[in-house]
C-alpha atoms as a PDB file:
ATOM      1  CA  MET A   1      74.480  41.094 -74.420  1.00  0.00           C
ATOM      2  CA  THR A   2      77.754  41.334 -76.070  1.00  0.00           C
ATOM      3  CA  SER A   3      80.393  38.779 -75.574  1.00  0.00           C
ATOM      4  CA  LEU A   4      82.357  41.392 -73.890  1.00  0.00           C
ATOM      5  CA  THR A   5      79.858  42.285 -71.287  1.00  0.00           C
ATOM      6  CA  ARG A   6      79.584  38.037 -70.993  1.00  0.00           C
ATOM      7  CA  ARG A   7      83.281  38.133 -70.277  1.00  0.00           C
ATOM      8  CA  LEU A   8      83.191  40.986 -67.662  1.00  0.00           C
ATOM      9  CA  ALA A   9      80.273  39.962 -65.567  1.00  0.00           C
ATOM     10  CA  HIS A  10      81.718  36.485 -65.828  1.00  0.00           C
ATOM     11  CA  ARG A  11      85.243  37.539 -64.375  1.00  0.00           C
ATOM     12  CA  ALA A  12      82.943  39.770 -61.716  1.00  0.00           C
ATOM     13  CA  VAL A  13      80.458  37.173 -60.558  1.00  0.00           C
ATOM     14  CA  HIS A  14      83.561  34.593 -59.918  1.00  0.00           C
ATOM     15  CA  ALA A  15      85.998  37.494 -58.449  1.00  0.00           C
ATOM     16  CA  ALA A  16      82.874  37.970 -55.712  1.00  0.00           C
ATOM     17  CA  TRP A  17      82.479  34.392 -55.226  1.00  0.00           C
ATOM     18  CA  ARG A  18      86.197  34.252 -54.149  1.00  0.00           C
ATOM     19  CA  ARG A  19      85.892  36.811 -51.615  1.00  0.00           C
ATOM     20  CA  ILE A  20      82.744  35.248 -50.404  1.00  0.00           C
ATOM     21  CA  ASP A  21      84.909  31.867 -50.085  1.00  0.00           C
ATOM     22  CA  ARG A  22      87.372  33.327 -48.357  1.00  0.00           C
ATOM     23  CA  TRP A  23      85.628  35.825 -45.928  1.00  0.00           C
ATOM     24  CA  GLY A  24      83.052  32.810 -45.306  1.00  0.00           C
ATOM     25  CA  GLU A  25      85.663  30.549 -43.741  1.00  0.00           C
ATOM     26  CA  ILE A  26      85.638  30.063 -40.537  1.00  0.00           C
ATOM     27  CA  VAL A  27      89.329  30.444 -38.972  1.00  0.00           C
ATOM     28  CA  PRO A  28      90.324  31.174 -35.187  1.00  0.00           C
ATOM     29  CA  GLY A  29      89.552  34.720 -34.294  1.00  0.00           C
ATOM     30  CA  THR A  30      86.038  34.469 -35.917  1.00  0.00           C
ATOM     31  CA  THR A  31      82.939  34.704 -34.255  1.00  0.00           C
ATOM     32  CA  ALA A  32      81.808  31.408 -35.779  1.00  0.00           C
ATOM     33  CA  ALA A  33      85.090  29.941 -33.930  1.00  0.00           C
ATOM     34  CA  ALA A  34      84.674  31.590 -31.093  1.00  0.00           C
ATOM     35  CA  ARG A  35      81.422  29.311 -30.201  1.00  0.00           C
ATOM     36  CA  PHE A  36      83.321  26.054 -30.812  1.00  0.00           C
ATOM     37  CA  GLY A  37      84.839  24.041 -27.204  1.00  0.00           C
ATOM     38  CA  THR A  38      88.265  23.816 -28.858  1.00  0.00           C
ATOM     39  CA  PHE A  39      88.850  25.322 -31.979  1.00  0.00           C
ATOM     40  CA  GLY A  40      93.041  24.890 -32.831  1.00  0.00           C
ATOM     41  CA  PRO A  41      95.189  27.232 -34.366  1.00  0.00           C
ATOM     42  CA  GLY A  42      95.625  27.070 -38.262  1.00  0.00           C
ATOM     43  CA  THR A  43      92.589  25.276 -38.463  1.00  0.00           C
ATOM     44  CA  ALA A  44      90.275  26.112 -40.752  1.00  0.00           C
ATOM     45  CA  ILE A  45      86.239  25.250 -42.127  1.00  0.00           C
ATOM     46  CA  GLY A  46      85.427  25.774 -45.877  1.00  0.00           C
ATOM     47  CA  PHE A  47      82.385  28.140 -46.535  1.00  0.00           C
ATOM     48  CA  PRO A  48      79.434  27.259 -47.132  1.00  0.00           C
ATOM     49  CA  THR A  49      79.154  24.746 -44.428  1.00  0.00           C
ATOM     50  CA  ALA A  50      76.353  22.073 -44.502  1.00  0.00           C
ATOM     51  CA  THR A  51      75.323  21.740 -40.505  1.00  0.00           C
ATOM     52  CA  ILE A  52      77.271  23.054 -37.284  1.00  0.00           C
ATOM     53  CA  MET A  53      75.003  21.882 -34.414  1.00  0.00           C
ATOM     54  CA  ASN A  54      75.874  22.412 -31.044  1.00  0.00           C
ATOM     55  CA  PRO A  55      79.586  23.586 -31.525  1.00  0.00           C
ATOM     56  CA  GLU A  56      80.567  24.327 -27.992  1.00  0.00           C
ATOM     57  CA  ARG A  57      80.524  20.409 -27.549  1.00  0.00           C
ATOM     58  CA  ILE A  58      82.611  20.050 -30.816  1.00  0.00           C
ATOM     59  CA  HIS A  59      86.978  20.350 -30.395  1.00  0.00           C
ATOM     60  CA  LEU A  60      88.831  20.400 -33.488  1.00  0.00           C
ATOM     61  CA  GLY A  61      92.891  20.558 -33.224  1.00  0.00           C
ATOM     62  CA  ALA A  62      95.642  22.290 -34.388  1.00  0.00           C
ATOM     63  CA  ASP A  63      95.450  22.384 -38.287  1.00  0.00           C
ATOM     64  CA  THR A  64      92.814  20.419 -39.768  1.00  0.00           C
ATOM     65  CA  LEU A  65      91.221  20.997 -42.604  1.00  0.00           C
ATOM     66  CA  VAL A  66      87.195  20.989 -43.207  1.00  0.00           C
ATOM     67  CA  GLY A  67      85.797  21.038 -46.582  1.00  0.00           C
ATOM     68  CA  ARG A  68      82.899  22.269 -47.883  1.00  0.00           C
ATOM     69  CA  GLN A  69      79.159  21.688 -47.285  1.00  0.00           C
ATOM     70  CA  VAL A  70      80.526  19.237 -44.183  1.00  0.00           C
ATOM     71  CA  THR A  71      78.030  18.404 -41.389  1.00  0.00           C
ATOM     72  CA  LEU A  72      79.633  18.560 -37.942  1.00  0.00           C
ATOM     73  CA  SER A  73      76.690  17.781 -35.441  1.00  0.00           C
ATOM     74  CA  VAL A  74      76.279  16.413 -31.457  1.00  0.00           C
ATOM     75  CA  GLY A  75      72.971  15.742 -30.171  1.00  0.00           C
ATOM     76  CA  TYR A  76      69.436  15.418 -31.006  1.00  0.00           C
ATOM     77  CA  GLY A  77      68.664  18.826 -31.661  1.00  0.00           C
ATOM     78  CA  LEU A  78      70.488  23.048 -30.758  1.00  0.00           C
ATOM     79  CA  GLY A  79      70.602  23.352 -27.305  1.00  0.00           C
ATOM     80  CA  ASP A  80      70.556  19.799 -26.346  1.00  0.00           C
ATOM     81  CA  THR A  81      71.969  19.343 -22.546  1.00  0.00           C
ATOM     82  CA  HIS A  82      72.491  16.108 -22.536  1.00  0.00           C
ATOM     83  CA  ALA A  83      75.112  15.398 -24.843  1.00  0.00           C
ATOM     84  CA  PRO A  84      79.006  15.101 -23.224  1.00  0.00           C
ATOM     85  CA  ALA A  85      80.769  18.531 -23.218  1.00  0.00           C
ATOM     86  CA  ARG A  86      83.203  16.650 -25.279  1.00  0.00           C
ATOM     87  CA  ALA A  87      81.074  14.897 -27.545  1.00  0.00           C
ATOM     88  CA  LEU A  88      83.041  15.254 -31.121  1.00  0.00           C
ATOM     89  CA  VAL A  89      86.841  15.552 -30.473  1.00  0.00           C
ATOM     90  CA  VAL A  90      88.897  15.725 -33.865  1.00  0.00           C
ATOM     91  CA  GLY A  91      92.577  15.986 -33.404  1.00  0.00           C
ATOM     92  CA  ASP A  92      95.709  17.798 -35.128  1.00  0.00           C
ATOM     93  CA  ARG A  93      96.333  18.013 -38.651  1.00  0.00           C
ATOM     94  CA  CYS A  94      93.500  15.951 -40.063  1.00  0.00           C
ATOM     95  CA  VAL A  95      91.642  16.460 -43.173  1.00  0.00           C
ATOM     96  CA  ILE A  96      87.419  16.107 -43.812  1.00  0.00           C
ATOM     97  CA  GLY A  97      86.603  16.105 -47.243  1.00  0.00           C
ATOM     98  CA  ALA A  98      84.102  18.004 -49.007  1.00  0.00           C
ATOM     99  CA  ARG A  99      79.955  16.788 -47.721  1.00  0.00           C
ATOM    100  CA  CYS A 100      81.089  14.529 -44.837  1.00  0.00           C
ATOM    101  CA  THR A 101      78.750  13.975 -42.099  1.00  0.00           C
ATOM    102  CA  ILE A 102      79.878  13.409 -38.583  1.00  0.00           C
ATOM    103  CA  THR A 103      76.936  12.928 -36.162  1.00  0.00           C
ATOM    104  CA  ALA A 104      77.917  12.579 -32.353  1.00  0.00           C
ATOM    105  CA  HIS A 105      75.458  11.916 -29.717  1.00  0.00           C
ATOM    106  CA  GLU A 106      77.907  10.596 -26.667  1.00  0.00           C
ATOM    107  CA  SER A 107      81.210   9.947 -28.040  1.00  0.00           C
ATOM    108  CA  ILE A 108      83.562  10.268 -31.186  1.00  0.00           C
ATOM    109  CA  ARG A 109      87.181  10.571 -31.057  1.00  0.00           C
ATOM    110  CA  ILE A 110      89.209  10.822 -34.218  1.00  0.00           C
ATOM    111  CA  GLY A 111      92.963  10.941 -33.369  1.00  0.00           C
ATOM    112  CA  ASP A 112      95.877  13.475 -35.287  1.00  0.00           C
ATOM    113  CA  ALA A 113      96.444  13.474 -39.025  1.00  0.00           C
ATOM    114  CA  VAL A 114      92.975  10.965 -39.929  1.00  0.00           C
ATOM    115  CA  TRP A 115      92.118  12.202 -43.939  1.00  0.00           C
ATOM    116  CA  PHE A 116      88.521  11.926 -44.867  1.00  0.00           C
ATOM    117  CA  GLY A 117      87.626  11.145 -48.525  1.00  0.00           C
ATOM    118  CA  GLN A 118      84.657  12.993 -49.874  1.00  0.00           C
ATOM    119  CA  ASP A 119      81.047  12.009 -48.578  1.00  0.00           C
ATOM    120  CA  VAL A 120      81.934   9.974 -45.848  1.00  0.00           C
ATOM    121  CA  PHE A 121      79.369   9.457 -42.856  1.00  0.00           C
ATOM    122  CA  VAL A 122      80.366   8.486 -39.304  1.00  0.00           C
ATOM    123  CA  SER A 123      78.018   8.415 -36.227  1.00  0.00           C
ATOM    124  CA  ASP A 124      77.634   7.104 -32.578  1.00  0.00           C
ATOM    125  CA  ALA A 125      73.747   6.381 -32.605  1.00  0.00           C
ATOM    126  CA  SER A 126      71.340   5.083 -35.144  1.00  0.00           C
ATOM    127  CA  HIS A 127      67.623   3.514 -34.807  1.00  0.00           C
ATOM    128  CA  GLY A 128      65.968   0.998 -32.983  1.00  0.00           C
ATOM    129  CA  TYR A 129      63.272  -0.714 -34.362  1.00  0.00           C
ATOM    130  CA  ALA A 130      61.844  -3.371 -31.527  1.00  0.00           C
ATOM    131  CA  ASP A 131      58.361  -1.457 -31.172  1.00  0.00           C
ATOM    132  CA  PRO A 132      56.428  -2.637 -34.524  1.00  0.00           C
ATOM    133  CA  ASP A 133      54.006   0.583 -33.837  1.00  0.00           C
ATOM    134  CA  THR A 134      56.114   3.313 -33.683  1.00  0.00           C
ATOM    135  CA  PRO A 135      58.120   4.587 -36.503  1.00  0.00           C
ATOM    136  CA  ILE A 136      61.819   3.713 -36.944  1.00  0.00           C
ATOM    137  CA  GLY A 137      62.511   7.082 -37.235  1.00  0.00           C
ATOM    138  CA  GLU A 138      61.174   8.114 -33.705  1.00  0.00           C
ATOM    139  CA  GLN A 139      63.067   5.046 -31.654  1.00  0.00           C
ATOM    140  CA  PHE A 140      66.376   6.164 -31.247  1.00  0.00           C
ATOM    141  CA  GLY A 141      68.944   3.485 -30.433  1.00  0.00           C
ATOM    142  CA  THR A 142      71.410   2.865 -28.473  1.00  0.00           C
ATOM    143  CA  HIS A 143      74.866   5.225 -28.203  1.00  0.00           C
ATOM    144  CA  GLN A 144      77.968   3.351 -29.123  1.00  0.00           C
ATOM    145  CA  PRO A 145      81.221   5.434 -29.118  1.00  0.00           C
ATOM    146  CA  VAL A 146      83.613   5.957 -32.203  1.00  0.00           C
ATOM    147  CA  GLU A 147      86.924   5.735 -32.525  1.00  0.00           C
ATOM    148  CA  ILE A 148      89.127   6.158 -35.232  1.00  0.00           C
ATOM    149  CA  GLY A 149      92.978   6.236 -34.880  1.00  0.00           C
ATOM    150  CA  SER A 150      95.459   8.686 -35.741  1.00  0.00           C
ATOM    151  CA  GLY A 151      97.494   7.889 -39.163  1.00  0.00           C
ATOM    152  CA  THR A 152      94.208   6.369 -40.450  1.00  0.00           C
ATOM    153  CA  TRP A 153      92.532   7.118 -44.322  1.00  0.00           C
ATOM    154  CA  ILE A 154      88.637   6.674 -44.472  1.00  0.00           C
ATOM    155  CA  GLY A 155      87.896   6.729 -48.377  1.00  0.00           C
ATOM    156  CA  HIS A 156      85.480   8.059 -50.665  1.00  0.00           C
ATOM    157  CA  GLY A 157      82.053   7.002 -49.503  1.00  0.00           C
ATOM    158  CA  ALA A 158      82.651   5.398 -46.339  1.00  0.00           C
ATOM    159  CA  ILE A 159      80.358   4.696 -43.650  1.00  0.00           C
ATOM    160  CA  VAL A 160      81.458   4.169 -40.109  1.00  0.00           C
ATOM    161  CA  LEU A 161      79.208   2.490 -38.074  1.00  0.00           C
ATOM    162  CA  PRO A 162      77.911   3.036 -34.149  1.00  0.00           C
ATOM    163  CA  GLY A 163      80.574   1.273 -31.782  1.00  0.00           C
ATOM    164  CA  ALA A 164      83.076   1.291 -34.998  1.00  0.00           C
ATOM    165  CA  ARG A 165      86.999   0.802 -33.309  1.00  0.00           C
ATOM    166  CA  ILE A 166      89.923   1.748 -36.241  1.00  0.00           C
ATOM    167  CA  GLY A 167      93.205   1.478 -35.234  1.00  0.00           C
ATOM    168  CA  ARG A 168      95.999   3.513 -35.891  1.00  0.00           C
ATOM    169  CA  GLN A 169      97.127   3.693 -39.860  1.00  0.00           C
ATOM    170  CA  VAL A 170      94.327   1.866 -41.418  1.00  0.00           C
ATOM    171  CA  VAL A 171      93.072   2.271 -44.838  1.00  0.00           C
ATOM    172  CA  VAL A 172      89.478   2.224 -45.647  1.00  0.00           C
ATOM    173  CA  ALA A 173      88.304   1.482 -49.098  1.00  0.00           C
ATOM    174  CA  ALA A 174      85.976   4.116 -50.653  1.00  0.00           C
ATOM    175  CA  GLY A 175      82.476   2.792 -49.863  1.00  0.00           C
ATOM    176  CA  SER A 176      83.344   0.708 -47.204  1.00  0.00           C
ATOM    177  CA  VAL A 177      80.714  -0.064 -44.215  1.00  0.00           C
ATOM    178  CA  VAL A 178      82.892  -0.471 -41.295  1.00  0.00           C
ATOM    179  CA  ARG A 179      81.603  -1.738 -37.816  1.00  0.00           C
ATOM    180  CA  GLY A 180      83.346  -3.403 -34.896  1.00  0.00           C
ATOM    181  CA  GLU A 181      87.339  -3.677 -33.957  1.00  0.00           C
ATOM    182  CA  ILE A 182      89.608  -2.980 -37.001  1.00  0.00           C
ATOM    183  CA  PRO A 183      92.961  -3.200 -35.686  1.00  0.00           C
ATOM    184  CA  ASP A 184      96.518  -1.191 -36.449  1.00  0.00           C
ATOM    185  CA  HIS A 185      98.128  -1.116 -39.998  1.00  0.00           C
ATOM    186  CA  CYS A 186      95.873  -2.774 -42.050  1.00  0.00           C
ATOM    187  CA  VAL A 187      93.722  -2.350 -45.059  1.00  0.00           C
ATOM    188  CA  VAL A 188      89.807  -3.141 -45.077  1.00  0.00           C
ATOM    189  CA  ALA A 189      87.239  -2.860 -47.486  1.00  0.00           C
ATOM    190  CA  GLY A 190      83.958  -4.491 -48.522  1.00  0.00           C
ATOM    191  CA  THR A 191      80.284  -4.237 -46.736  1.00  0.00           C
ATOM    192  CA  PRO A 192      80.921  -4.980 -44.160  1.00  0.00           C
ATOM    193  CA  ALA A 193      84.180  -4.144 -44.303  1.00  0.00           C
ATOM    194  CA  ARG A 194      86.930  -6.954 -43.677  1.00  0.00           C
ATOM    195  CA  ILE A 195      90.853  -6.821 -43.792  1.00  0.00           C
ATOM    196  CA  VAL A 196      92.323  -7.905 -46.936  1.00  0.00           C
ATOM    197  CA  ARG A 197      95.944  -6.696 -45.798  1.00  0.00           C
ATOM    198  CA  ARG A 198      97.935  -6.275 -42.891  1.00  0.00           C
ATOM    199  CA  LEU A 199     101.104  -5.593 -41.533  1.00  0.00           C
ATOM    200  CA  GLU A 200     103.178  -8.423 -40.366  1.00  0.00           C
ATOM    201  CA  PRO A 201     106.418  -7.145 -38.338  1.00  0.00           C
ATOM    202  CA  GLY A 202     109.308  -8.859 -40.363  1.00  0.00           C
ATOM    203  CA  VAL A 203     107.278  -9.972 -43.060  1.00  0.00           C
ATOM    204  CA  GLY A 204     105.346  -6.945 -44.919  1.00  0.00           C
ATOM    205  CA  TRP A 205     102.041  -6.274 -45.887  1.00  0.00           C
ATOM    206  CA  VAL A 206     100.142  -9.721 -46.392  1.00  0.00           C
ATOM    207  CA  GLY A 207      97.210  -9.690 -48.258  1.00  0.00           C
ATOM    208  CA  HIS A 208      94.193 -12.157 -47.356  1.00  0.00           C
ATOM    209  CA  GLN A 209      95.631 -14.866 -49.977  1.00  0.00           C
ATOM    210  CA  GLY A 210      98.974 -14.886 -48.652  1.00  0.00           C
ATOM    211  CA  ASP A 211     100.772 -12.599 -50.963  1.00  0.00           C
ATOM    212  CA  VAL A 212     103.459 -10.240 -49.495  1.00  0.00           C
ATOM    213  CA  ARG A 213     104.020  -6.623 -50.678  1.00  0.00           C
ATOM    214  CA  PRO A 214     107.418  -5.101 -49.069  1.00  0.00           C
ATOM    215  CA  VAL A 215     107.635  -2.262 -46.333  1.00  0.00           C
ATOM    216  CA  SER A 216     108.473   1.116 -47.357  1.00  0.00           C
ATOM    217  CA  ALA A 217     109.284   4.326 -46.031  1.00  0.00           C
ATOM    218  CA  GLY A 218     107.326   7.358 -47.585  1.00  0.00           C
ATOM    219  CA  LEU A 219     103.895   8.126 -49.674  1.00  0.00           C
ATOM    220  CA  ALA A 220     104.568   4.587 -51.744  1.00  0.00           C
ATOM    221  CA  ALA A 221     104.619   3.076 -48.244  1.00  0.00           C
ATOM    222  CA  LEU A 222     100.838   1.518 -49.491  1.00  0.00           C
ATOM    223  CA  GLY A 223      99.908   0.417 -52.753  1.00  0.00           C
ATOM    224  CA  GLY A 224      95.746  -0.154 -53.650  1.00  0.00           C
ATOM    225  CA  LEU A 225      93.995  -3.226 -53.471  1.00  0.00           C
ATOM    226  CA  THR A 226      94.918  -5.299 -56.366  1.00  0.00           C
ATOM    227  CA  ASP A 227      92.505  -6.091 -59.326  1.00  0.00           C
ATOM    228  CA  LEU A 228      91.867  -9.446 -58.086  1.00  0.00           C
ATOM    229  CA  GLU A 229      90.754  -7.916 -54.509  1.00  0.00           C
ATOM    230  CA  LEU A 230      88.313  -5.425 -55.656  1.00  0.00           C
ATOM    231  CA  ALA A 231      87.006  -8.637 -57.629  1.00  0.00           C
ATOM    232  CA  GLU A 232      86.379 -10.974 -54.499  1.00  0.00           C
ATOM    233  CA  LEU A 233      84.924  -7.679 -52.743  1.00  0.00           C
ATOM    234  CA  THR A 234      82.540  -6.434 -55.058  1.00  0.00           C
ATOM    235  CA  GLY A 235      81.747 -10.018 -57.062  1.00  0.00           C
ATOM    236  CA  PRO A 236      78.665 -12.149 -56.390  1.00  0.00           C
END
């Protein structure tokens, strides 16, 4: 194959992929979008998807972007009639990064303007282990609803465990494992995630060692973790 032929073939392949990428998107007006319980205007799910299971029980708000190879799943199998009609609800103006997995069995609620990095995992159920003679994978755990408040950022590779209730305007650091209750306006990090900085009205953003960062408006309102904070979280 000559150099010119290779260039032409390369151009043709990428042009075809761009068309497939565009035509494969799930957007309002498509047959796939119509299968959802709610599919808001301006919302799009990137192509290819990973798994979309029982979409009639999934509700997506307006202007929400779901990345490629994302799993949105409700129930334990196709046509699961025991799952609630609104098992998975995602608000307006959300961003769900590539390869994220959100699997609901009873209730996962995600507020407005919540952004996920890539490879985030969220579930409201796990497996039991009480019966020593039954394989763990066959022991279904209890359902524990998950809530993620509006304006929150979930960093790359974070895991949100069953029963987690994350407040509004929370930063979850990359790779964190979140369980339990997380209050509004704080930064959490680690495994399990714990608060490393929180907003104190009239004072500022206060770190766990008492250092204070000022409150500011706009994109620079909250900086990342300091080297010391990261060292303490990842140390022995």
